[in-house]
Protein backbone atom coordinates (compact mmCIF):
# COMPACT_ATOMS: atom_id res chain seq x y z
CA MET A 1 15.65 -65.29 15.32
CA TYR A 2 18.69 -64.34 17.62
CA ASN A 3 19.51 -63.94 21.69
CA ASN A 4 22.00 -61.03 22.57
CA LYS A 5 25.07 -63.48 22.51
CA GLN A 6 24.04 -64.70 19.07
CA SER A 7 24.16 -61.31 17.88
CA VAL A 8 27.52 -60.31 19.50
CA MET A 9 29.03 -63.26 18.04
CA PHE A 10 27.49 -62.44 14.78
CA MET A 11 28.96 -59.06 14.74
CA THR A 12 32.30 -60.64 15.71
CA LEU A 13 32.54 -62.74 12.51
CA LEU A 14 32.06 -59.84 10.32
CA ALA A 15 34.46 -57.19 12.25
CA PRO A 16 37.15 -58.93 10.45
CA MET A 17 35.61 -58.74 6.85
CA PHE A 18 35.69 -54.87 7.68
CA LEU A 19 38.41 -53.86 8.92
CA GLY A 20 40.18 -55.93 6.10
CA ALA A 21 38.12 -54.04 3.81
CA CYS A 22 39.72 -52.46 0.84
CA SER A 23 39.09 -50.40 -1.88
CA VAL A 24 39.72 -51.54 -5.08
CA THR A 25 41.07 -48.23 -7.06
CA PRO A 26 42.77 -48.67 -10.43
CA SER A 27 46.44 -47.55 -10.34
CA ILE A 28 46.00 -44.52 -12.16
CA THR A 29 47.43 -41.05 -11.48
CA ARG A 30 46.04 -37.42 -12.95
CA PRO A 31 48.08 -36.26 -15.72
CA SER A 32 50.42 -34.14 -14.65
CA ALA A 33 50.32 -30.00 -15.48
CA THR A 34 51.45 -28.93 -19.05
CA LYS A 35 55.48 -28.75 -19.75
CA ILE A 36 54.72 -25.85 -22.09
CA THR A 37 55.79 -22.63 -21.22
CA ALA A 38 54.94 -20.26 -24.31
CA TYR A 39 51.97 -19.71 -26.60
CA THR A 40 54.08 -19.15 -29.82
CA ARG A 41 57.38 -18.70 -30.86
CA GLY A 42 59.01 -15.28 -29.82
CA SER A 43 59.24 -13.92 -33.41
CA GLU A 44 55.11 -14.35 -34.13
CA VAL A 45 54.21 -11.71 -31.73
CA VAL A 46 57.19 -8.78 -31.37
CA SER A 47 54.66 -6.19 -31.57
CA LEU A 48 52.62 -7.05 -28.61
CA ASP A 49 55.73 -7.71 -26.01
CA GLN A 50 55.39 -4.17 -24.51
CA ARG A 51 51.39 -4.70 -23.95
CA ILE A 52 51.06 -8.35 -22.93
CA GLN A 53 50.75 -8.46 -19.25
CA LEU A 54 51.50 -11.96 -18.98
CA GLY A 55 50.53 -14.12 -15.46
CA LYS A 56 47.64 -11.01 -15.16
CA LYS A 57 44.12 -12.32 -13.41
CA ILE A 58 41.87 -11.94 -16.34
CA SER A 59 38.71 -10.46 -14.11
CA SER A 60 35.06 -12.07 -14.69
CA ASP A 61 33.93 -9.25 -16.33
CA TRP A 62 36.54 -8.76 -18.69
CA TRP A 63 34.14 -6.86 -21.34
CA GLN A 64 34.52 -4.42 -18.71
CA LEU A 65 38.25 -3.89 -20.77
CA PHE A 66 36.25 -2.28 -23.77
CA ASN A 67 34.97 0.74 -21.10
CA SER A 68 31.28 0.58 -22.72
CA LYS A 69 28.75 1.48 -20.79
CA PRO A 70 26.08 0.07 -23.63
CA LEU A 71 27.84 -3.05 -23.47
CA ASN A 72 28.25 -3.27 -19.54
CA SER A 73 24.00 -2.76 -19.64
CA MET A 74 23.60 -5.57 -22.69
CA ILE A 75 25.81 -8.17 -20.97
CA HIS A 76 24.14 -7.55 -17.58
CA LEU A 77 20.91 -8.18 -19.13
CA ALA A 78 21.77 -11.39 -21.08
CA ILE A 79 23.42 -13.13 -17.69
CA GLN A 80 19.53 -12.17 -15.98
CA ASN A 81 17.40 -13.82 -18.94
CA ASN A 82 19.40 -15.41 -21.19
CA TYR A 83 17.34 -19.19 -21.00
CA ASP A 84 20.40 -20.95 -22.25
CA LEU A 85 22.34 -19.85 -19.08
CA LYS A 86 19.41 -20.65 -17.03
CA ALA A 87 19.17 -23.92 -18.28
CA ALA A 88 22.88 -24.48 -17.76
CA THR A 89 22.50 -23.39 -14.16
CA GLU A 90 19.65 -26.08 -13.59
CA THR A 91 21.84 -28.26 -14.84
CA MET A 92 24.99 -28.02 -13.11
CA GLU A 93 22.37 -27.56 -9.91
CA GLN A 94 20.97 -31.14 -11.10
CA ALA A 95 24.20 -33.06 -11.41
CA GLN A 96 25.24 -31.29 -7.67
CA GLU A 97 21.99 -33.22 -6.42
CA ALA A 98 22.80 -35.95 -7.97
CA ALA A 99 26.00 -36.03 -6.68
CA ASN A 100 24.70 -35.04 -2.87
CA ALA A 101 22.22 -38.41 -3.22
CA ALA A 102 24.92 -40.89 -4.28
CA SER A 103 27.03 -39.53 -1.13
CA GLY A 104 23.41 -40.26 0.59
CA GLY A 105 23.92 -44.38 -0.39
CA LEU A 106 26.99 -45.12 1.60
CA MET A 107 25.28 -44.16 4.87
CA PRO A 108 22.94 -47.07 6.07
CA GLN A 109 18.97 -46.88 5.29
CA LEU A 110 16.53 -46.59 7.71
CA SER A 111 12.86 -46.75 7.30
CA LEU A 112 9.84 -47.08 8.83
CA ASN A 113 7.41 -50.07 7.66
CA ALA A 114 3.71 -51.10 8.41
CA LEU A 115 2.12 -54.24 6.49
CA ALA A 116 -1.64 -55.03 7.33
CA GLY A 117 -2.67 -58.70 5.43
CA ARG A 118 -4.66 -61.72 5.81
CA GLN A 119 -3.16 -65.20 5.14
CA ARG A 120 -4.73 -68.62 4.83
CA TYR A 121 -2.14 -71.20 5.16
CA GLY A 122 -2.68 -74.59 2.89
CA VAL A 123 -2.42 -78.25 4.02
CA ALA A 124 0.84 -78.85 2.37
CA LEU A 125 2.87 -76.54 5.35
CA PHE A 126 1.87 -78.76 7.83
CA GLY A 127 1.55 -82.34 6.08
CA PRO A 128 -0.77 -84.91 6.85
CA SER A 129 -2.82 -83.75 9.29
CA ASN A 130 -6.01 -82.93 10.37
CA PHE A 131 -4.71 -79.87 11.98
CA SER A 132 -5.37 -76.68 10.19
CA VAL A 133 -5.05 -72.89 10.55
CA PRO A 134 -7.70 -71.18 10.11
CA PRO A 135 -7.71 -67.15 7.69
CA PHE A 136 -6.45 -64.78 9.94
CA SER A 137 -5.30 -61.02 9.80
CA TYR A 138 -1.74 -60.02 10.95
CA TYR A 139 -0.42 -55.95 11.14
CA GLU A 140 2.78 -55.14 12.00
CA ILE A 141 4.04 -52.15 11.92
CA GLY A 142 7.89 -50.72 13.14
CA PRO A 143 11.69 -49.42 11.62
CA ALA A 144 14.39 -50.91 9.26
CA ILE A 145 17.73 -50.85 8.65
CA SER A 146 20.10 -52.14 5.84
CA TRP A 147 23.71 -51.30 5.31
CA THR A 148 25.90 -52.38 2.26
CA PRO A 149 29.40 -52.19 3.28
CA ASP A 150 31.42 -50.59 0.87
CA LEU A 151 34.25 -53.80 0.83
CA PHE A 152 35.60 -53.11 -2.37
CA GLY A 153 34.81 -49.38 -2.99
CA MET A 154 31.97 -49.44 -5.27
CA GLN A 155 30.09 -46.83 -3.74
CA HIS A 156 32.84 -44.74 -3.71
CA HIS A 157 33.50 -44.63 -6.87
CA ALA A 158 29.75 -44.35 -7.96
CA VAL A 159 30.26 -40.82 -5.62
CA ASP A 160 33.48 -39.81 -6.98
CA ARG A 161 31.84 -39.99 -10.51
CA GLN A 162 28.94 -38.28 -9.56
CA GLU A 163 30.87 -35.62 -8.12
CA ALA A 164 32.84 -35.63 -11.10
CA LEU A 165 30.16 -35.36 -13.72
CA ALA A 166 28.96 -32.09 -11.35
CA ALA A 167 32.57 -30.78 -11.90
CA TYR A 168 31.61 -30.99 -15.20
CA GLN A 169 28.47 -29.32 -15.46
CA ALA A 170 29.95 -27.04 -13.29
CA HIS A 171 32.91 -26.39 -16.09
CA ARG A 172 30.40 -26.18 -18.99
CA PHE A 173 27.94 -23.54 -17.27
CA GLU A 174 30.95 -21.43 -17.05
CA ALA A 175 31.55 -22.16 -20.37
CA ALA A 176 28.13 -21.39 -21.56
CA TYR A 177 28.62 -17.99 -19.20
CA LEU A 178 32.01 -17.04 -21.53
CA SER A 179 30.18 -17.39 -24.41
CA LEU A 180 27.10 -15.50 -23.84
CA THR A 181 29.00 -13.20 -22.46
CA GLY A 182 31.66 -13.44 -25.76
CA ASN A 183 28.69 -13.65 -28.46
CA VAL A 184 27.19 -10.49 -26.74
CA VAL A 185 30.25 -8.36 -27.21
CA GLU A 186 30.80 -10.04 -30.96
CA ALA A 187 27.31 -9.14 -31.46
CA ALA A 188 27.59 -5.64 -30.09
CA LEU A 189 30.98 -4.92 -32.39
CA GLU A 190 29.17 -6.07 -35.31
CA ILE A 191 26.82 -3.82 -35.06
CA ALA A 192 29.00 -0.90 -34.30
CA SER A 193 31.15 -1.58 -37.52
CA VAL A 194 28.25 -2.09 -39.66
CA ASN A 195 26.93 1.61 -38.32
CA ASP A 196 30.09 3.10 -39.14
CA GLU A 197 30.39 0.94 -42.35
CA LEU A 198 27.05 2.39 -43.27
CA VAL A 199 28.09 5.79 -42.87
CA SER A 200 31.05 5.69 -44.82
CA ALA A 201 28.89 3.67 -47.58
CA LYS A 202 26.36 6.44 -47.55
CA GLN A 203 29.10 9.01 -47.85
CA ILE A 204 30.94 7.15 -51.22
CA ILE A 205 27.39 7.05 -52.53
CA ALA A 206 26.86 10.85 -52.01
CA THR A 207 30.07 11.36 -53.85
CA ASP A 208 29.29 8.68 -57.15
CA GLU A 209 25.75 10.49 -57.28
CA ARG A 210 27.52 13.79 -57.18
CA ALA A 211 30.09 12.94 -59.96
CA LEU A 212 27.86 10.87 -62.14
CA SER A 213 25.70 14.15 -62.26
CA LEU A 214 28.28 16.11 -63.23
CA VAL A 215 29.54 13.80 -65.77
CA GLU A 216 26.01 13.65 -67.24
CA GLU A 217 26.44 17.33 -67.72
CA THR A 218 29.21 17.25 -68.99
CA PHE A 219 28.11 14.80 -71.61
CA LYS A 220 25.30 16.62 -72.85
CA VAL A 221 27.30 19.99 -73.46
CA GLY A 222 29.70 17.65 -75.56
CA THR A 223 32.87 17.67 -73.20
CA ALA A 224 32.18 14.02 -72.11
CA ALA A 225 32.42 11.10 -73.97
CA GLN A 226 28.82 8.28 -73.47
CA VAL A 227 31.80 5.79 -71.82
CA ASP A 228 32.69 8.16 -68.76
CA VAL A 229 28.88 8.01 -68.23
CA ASN A 230 28.91 4.46 -67.89
CA ASN A 231 31.59 4.37 -65.92
CA ALA A 232 30.40 6.72 -63.49
CA ARG A 233 26.71 4.83 -63.34
CA GLY A 234 28.64 1.80 -62.84
CA LYS A 235 30.60 2.95 -59.59
CA LEU A 236 26.88 4.53 -58.49
CA LEU A 237 25.66 1.20 -58.42
CA ALA A 238 28.38 -1.01 -57.73
CA ASP A 239 28.73 1.16 -54.36
CA ARG A 240 24.90 0.70 -53.82
CA SER A 241 24.41 -2.70 -53.64
CA ILE A 242 26.99 -2.57 -50.67
CA LEU A 243 23.90 -1.20 -48.93
CA PRO A 244 21.70 -4.35 -48.96
CA SER A 245 24.30 -6.60 -47.15
CA LEU A 246 25.06 -4.11 -44.81
CA GLU A 247 21.34 -3.61 -43.76
CA ASP A 248 21.29 -7.58 -43.79
CA ARG A 249 24.34 -7.66 -41.49
CA LEU A 250 22.71 -4.81 -38.89
CA SER A 251 19.77 -6.57 -39.00
CA ASN A 252 20.93 -10.17 -38.13
CA SER A 253 22.93 -8.31 -35.36
CA ARG A 254 20.52 -7.01 -34.31
CA HIS A 255 18.16 -9.90 -34.08
CA ALA A 256 20.58 -12.25 -32.46
CA LEU A 257 21.60 -9.31 -29.57
CA SER A 258 17.77 -9.35 -29.28
CA ILE A 259 17.65 -13.08 -28.58
CA LEU A 260 21.24 -13.14 -26.33
CA VAL A 261 19.55 -10.97 -23.87
CA GLY A 262 16.41 -13.34 -23.78
CA LYS A 263 13.85 -10.59 -25.76
CA ALA A 264 12.19 -11.20 -29.18
CA PRO A 265 13.35 -9.10 -31.86
CA SER A 266 9.78 -7.05 -31.88
CA GLU A 267 10.38 -6.57 -28.32
CA TRP A 268 13.72 -4.90 -28.03
CA MET A 269 16.33 -2.83 -29.98
CA PRO A 270 20.04 -2.46 -28.86
CA PRO A 271 21.12 0.88 -28.08
CA LYS A 272 22.67 2.98 -30.67
CA LEU A 273 26.20 1.71 -31.48
CA ASP A 274 29.71 2.91 -32.75
CA LEU A 275 33.26 1.68 -32.45
CA GLY A 276 33.75 4.99 -30.73
CA SER A 277 31.35 3.46 -28.57
CA PHE A 278 34.46 0.79 -27.15
CA VAL A 279 38.02 1.72 -26.18
CA LEU A 280 41.00 -0.75 -27.24
CA PRO A 281 42.61 -2.00 -24.30
CA LYS A 282 45.86 -0.69 -24.22
CA ASP A 283 47.60 -3.73 -22.20
CA LEU A 284 46.67 -7.37 -22.24
CA PRO A 285 45.94 -9.51 -19.67
CA LEU A 286 47.19 -13.26 -20.52
CA SER A 287 47.30 -15.97 -18.16
CA LEU A 288 50.29 -17.92 -17.63
CA PRO A 289 50.23 -21.43 -19.70
CA SER A 290 50.39 -23.31 -16.69
CA VAL A 291 47.42 -21.19 -15.00
CA LEU A 292 45.97 -21.31 -18.25
CA VAL A 293 45.08 -25.22 -17.81
CA LYS A 294 43.97 -24.69 -14.64
CA ASN A 295 41.50 -22.06 -15.35
CA ARG A 296 40.10 -22.52 -18.86
CA PRO A 297 36.52 -24.30 -18.58
CA ASP A 298 36.60 -26.45 -22.11
CA ILE A 299 40.37 -27.94 -20.37
CA GLN A 300 38.51 -28.29 -16.73
CA ALA A 301 35.81 -29.81 -18.06
CA ALA A 302 37.54 -32.63 -19.81
CA GLN A 303 39.49 -33.32 -16.56
CA ALA A 304 36.44 -33.55 -15.10
CA ASN A 305 35.08 -35.83 -17.52
CA LEU A 306 38.03 -38.04 -17.01
CA ASP A 307 37.95 -37.86 -13.39
CA ALA A 308 34.55 -39.68 -14.11
CA ALA A 309 35.72 -42.28 -16.31
CA ARG A 310 38.56 -43.32 -13.87
CA ALA A 311 35.40 -43.85 -11.31
CA GLU A 312 33.97 -45.56 -13.56
CA LEU A 313 36.79 -47.94 -14.36
CA GLY A 314 37.22 -48.16 -10.48
CA MET A 315 33.39 -49.44 -10.17
CA ALA A 316 33.73 -52.09 -13.08
CA SER A 317 37.12 -53.28 -10.94
CA ALA A 318 35.14 -53.37 -7.70
CA ALA A 319 31.75 -55.23 -9.70
CA LEU A 320 34.39 -58.57 -9.84
CA TYR A 321 34.20 -59.14 -5.92
CA PRO A 322 31.51 -59.67 -3.82
CA ASN A 323 28.74 -57.58 -1.95
CA ILE A 324 27.91 -57.92 1.48
CA THR A 325 24.38 -56.58 2.79
CA LEU A 326 23.20 -56.28 6.12
CA SER A 327 19.81 -55.67 7.31
CA ALA A 328 17.97 -55.47 10.70
CA ASN A 329 14.61 -54.74 11.64
CA MET A 330 12.30 -54.53 15.18
CA LEU A 331 8.89 -55.03 14.79
CA GLN A 332 5.10 -54.61 16.77
CA GLU A 333 3.59 -58.06 15.67
CA ALA A 334 -0.33 -58.88 16.14
CA LEU A 335 -3.53 -60.38 14.88
CA THR A 336 -5.64 -57.21 16.04
CA PRO A 337 -4.69 -52.82 15.06
CA ALA A 338 -5.01 -52.99 18.88
CA GLY A 339 -2.33 -55.59 19.63
CA VAL A 340 0.43 -54.13 17.76
CA PHE A 341 0.91 -51.50 20.77
CA ARG A 342 1.18 -53.98 23.52
CA GLY A 343 5.04 -55.12 24.96
CA VAL A 344 4.15 -58.48 23.90
CA ALA A 345 4.09 -57.93 20.26
CA LYS A 346 8.01 -57.27 19.90
CA ALA A 347 9.97 -58.95 17.25
CA TRP A 348 13.28 -58.53 15.57
CA ALA A 349 15.70 -59.66 13.10
CA MET A 350 19.15 -59.24 11.72
CA ALA A 351 20.44 -60.98 8.50
CA ALA A 352 23.95 -61.00 6.73
CA GLY A 353 24.46 -61.66 2.77
CA ILE A 354 26.66 -62.05 0.91
CA SER A 355 26.75 -62.14 -3.24
CA ALA A 356 30.06 -63.14 -5.28
CA PRO A 357 30.10 -63.66 -8.47
CA LEU A 358 30.96 -66.65 -10.03
CA TYR A 359 30.67 -67.10 -13.34
CA ASP A 360 28.88 -64.45 -15.50
CA GLY A 361 29.78 -65.72 -19.29
CA GLY A 362 33.01 -63.01 -19.01
CA THR A 363 30.19 -59.69 -18.60
CA LEU A 364 32.43 -58.60 -16.20
CA SER A 365 35.91 -58.59 -17.49
CA ALA A 366 34.77 -57.16 -20.62
CA GLU A 367 32.73 -54.24 -18.90
CA LYS A 368 36.32 -53.66 -16.92
CA ARG A 369 37.96 -53.55 -20.08
CA GLY A 370 35.74 -51.46 -21.84
CA ALA A 371 36.05 -48.67 -18.80
CA GLU A 372 39.76 -49.16 -19.40
CA HIS A 373 39.58 -48.18 -23.35
CA ALA A 374 36.83 -45.37 -21.94
CA TYR A 375 39.66 -43.91 -19.70
CA LYS A 376 42.16 -43.75 -22.43
CA ALA A 377 39.71 -42.32 -24.80
CA ALA A 378 38.82 -39.74 -22.13
CA LEU A 379 42.83 -38.92 -21.29
CA ALA A 380 43.15 -38.55 -25.15
CA THR A 381 40.69 -36.07 -25.25
CA TYR A 382 41.84 -34.13 -22.15
CA HIS A 383 45.32 -33.81 -23.98
CA GLN A 384 43.69 -33.10 -27.40
CA THR A 385 41.16 -30.06 -25.12
CA ILE A 386 45.06 -28.87 -23.78
CA LEU A 387 46.55 -28.49 -27.76
CA ASN A 388 43.25 -26.69 -28.82
CA ALA A 389 43.43 -24.11 -26.21
CA PHE A 390 47.23 -23.53 -26.63
CA GLY A 391 46.16 -22.65 -30.24
CA ASP A 392 43.42 -20.86 -29.60
CA VAL A 393 45.26 -18.47 -27.85
CA ALA A 394 47.90 -18.56 -30.37
CA ASP A 395 45.83 -17.97 -33.08
CA ALA A 396 44.05 -14.77 -30.66
CA LEU A 397 47.81 -13.48 -30.17
CA THR A 398 48.85 -13.74 -34.07
CA SER A 399 45.63 -12.55 -35.25
CA LEU A 400 46.18 -9.28 -32.64
CA ALA A 401 49.97 -8.71 -34.33
CA ASP A 402 48.52 -9.06 -37.57
CA ASP A 403 45.29 -6.64 -36.81
CA ASP A 404 47.90 -3.92 -34.99
CA ASP A 405 50.07 -3.94 -38.91
CA LYS A 406 46.53 -3.90 -40.54
CA VAL A 407 45.00 -1.07 -38.48
CA LYS A 408 48.58 0.62 -38.79
CA ILE A 409 48.49 0.46 -42.65
CA GLN A 410 45.12 1.47 -42.89
CA SER A 411 45.32 4.36 -40.78
CA GLU A 412 48.53 5.73 -42.80
CA ALA A 413 46.03 4.98 -45.87
CA ALA A 414 43.57 7.15 -44.79
CA ASP A 415 45.79 9.96 -43.67
CA ALA A 416 47.01 9.70 -47.32
CA ALA A 417 43.90 9.71 -48.98
CA SER A 418 43.04 12.73 -46.74
CA SER A 419 45.71 14.79 -47.61
CA SER A 420 44.79 14.04 -51.81
CA MET A 421 41.44 15.43 -51.29
CA HIS A 422 42.76 18.31 -49.60
CA ILE A 423 45.29 18.70 -51.68
CA ALA A 424 42.45 18.26 -54.38
CA LEU A 425 40.34 20.64 -53.23
CA ASP A 426 43.12 23.43 -52.94
CA LYS A 427 43.82 22.59 -56.56
CA TYR A 428 40.25 22.93 -57.16
CA LYS A 429 39.98 26.50 -55.98
CA VAL A 430 42.34 27.84 -58.02
CA GLY A 431 41.18 26.17 -61.12
CA GLU A 432 44.08 23.85 -61.23
CA ILE A 433 41.64 20.37 -61.40
CA GLY A 434 37.85 19.57 -62.04
CA LEU A 435 35.54 18.90 -60.06
CA ILE A 436 35.26 15.11 -61.09
CA GLN A 437 39.15 15.01 -59.80
CA VAL A 438 37.97 16.30 -56.01
CA GLN A 439 35.05 14.31 -56.12
CA GLU A 440 37.28 10.94 -56.80
CA ALA A 441 39.51 11.85 -54.17
CA GLN A 442 36.84 11.95 -51.56
CA ARG A 443 35.57 8.97 -52.91
CA ASN A 444 38.92 7.40 -52.66
CA TYR A 445 39.50 8.69 -49.08
CA ALA A 446 35.56 7.52 -47.93
CA GLN A 447 36.56 3.93 -48.67
CA ALA A 448 40.61 4.27 -47.26
CA GLN A 449 38.19 4.96 -44.08
CA LEU A 450 35.80 1.95 -44.79
CA ARG A 451 38.51 -0.46 -44.81
CA LEU A 452 40.30 1.32 -41.66
CA ILE A 453 37.05 0.85 -40.05
CA GLN A 454 36.64 -2.68 -40.97
CA SER A 455 40.67 -3.31 -39.62
CA ARG A 456 39.22 -1.26 -36.57
CA HIS A 457 36.41 -3.94 -36.08
CA GLN A 458 38.57 -7.18 -36.36
CA GLN A 459 41.13 -5.87 -34.02
CA LEU A 460 38.19 -5.49 -31.02
CA LEU A 461 36.98 -8.33 -31.98
CA ASP A 462 40.50 -10.69 -31.51
CA TYR A 463 40.92 -8.79 -27.96
CA ALA A 464 37.33 -10.35 -27.79
CA ARG A 465 37.89 -13.62 -28.53
CA LEU A 466 41.13 -14.09 -26.87
C-alpha cells in the first residue's frame, strides 16, 4: 500500500526509464527499387514495338481487352462464387484482425474483477500462540489496470510483424484474384479453340470419307490399286483418331471452367464459344519495370514477407533487454456481500515489476542469429521473385512476337491452300484432274485452317498471360 506522496515518488522514479526508452531496431533498410530498365533485348520483340504501350496502367478488369461478353459474364460469376477466392478473402480479413489485435496490446489493459472465497489460516501464520482466526468468507470487486511499457520495441515489432503478415495475405488475395481470372480466360480460350478445331477436324474427316469412297469405287472397276484403298483408309483412321482427344480436351476444359465459377460440372454448362468470340487487343498495356515491382502481387507478397522477417529480428533483439510491467487495482473488500458497497471497504495497490535475462544457455542469442538468417533468406527470396517476374514478362513478350510470326505464316499457308483448292475445283470442272485431287486440295486447306486455329489460340493465350 502507498499513500499519495509515495505514489508520486513511485512514478517519479519510473519517469526517467520511460524517457530513456528506445526501440531496439535492426539497422536494416528496405531494398532499393530495381535498376532494371527493360524486359528483353531490343532485337527480341521488334515486331511488337508499334503495339506495346509501355507505362500504360493495366485495368483490374484486364480481360475486357478481349471484348467478349460471354467471357465477362463467366468471370463475374467466378468472382462471386469461387470458393478459393472466398477462402483467400477470409484469410486476408483474419490476418488484418490479428494485426488489429496486436495493436491493442500496446495500450493499457483495463479489466473488472470479482472474487468470492472462503479461507482458514493455519497455525504457522501466527507462530506459537493461542491466537487463531476462525474460517471466514471474503468478497472483492473492482477494476484493475496493467501495462507493459514497450521500452525496447518488442511489442511494436510484434505489431509490425502482424501488419506485414496482413499485407502478405492481402497480396496473396490479389494473386488469387489474378490467378482465378486468368484461369477462367485460359479455360474459355481452350474451349473456343477446341470447338473450332472440332469443326476443322470434322471437315477433314468428311473429305477423307469421300476420298475413300471414291477410291473404293475406282478399285472395283480396276482403275485403282489396293494400296490406294489402304492409303485412303489409313488417312481416314488417322484423322478420326484426332476426335477423341479433342472431345476429351473439351470435356476437361468445361469441367475446369464450371469448378472455377463455383458450380459442379453436372450443374452448369459454359456458353457456346469459338475464337471469333474474342477480339485480339490492338495494343499491349505494359507496366514500366519500376512499376512492375510495385504492382505485381507476388513481388509485393515477397516484400511483405521480408518486412515480417525484419520485425521478427527486431523482436529477437528486444528479447535480450529487460521487460517492465506496471499494474494497479482498486478494490472493494468485505467479509459479507453487502459490505463490498460500503466506503470503508476500499483498498488499492500499485506495483511495478522488472524481468531481465541474465543467463539462458545462449537461447536468446541463438534466436537472434536465427532471425538474422531468416531475414537474409527472405531477402534472397525477394530478389529471386523480382527476377522471376521479369523472366515471366520477357517470356510472354518473346512468345507474343513469335506468335505474330506463326499466325502470319499460318495465315499465308491457309490462303495458299485455299487458292490451290479453288484452282483444283476449276480444273476439275474442265476435266483436267480427277475428284481425288480436288478432295486432297480440300483436305490440305482444312488442315491449314486447323493449324491457323491453333496458332490463334496460342496468340490469345499469350496475350492473357502477359
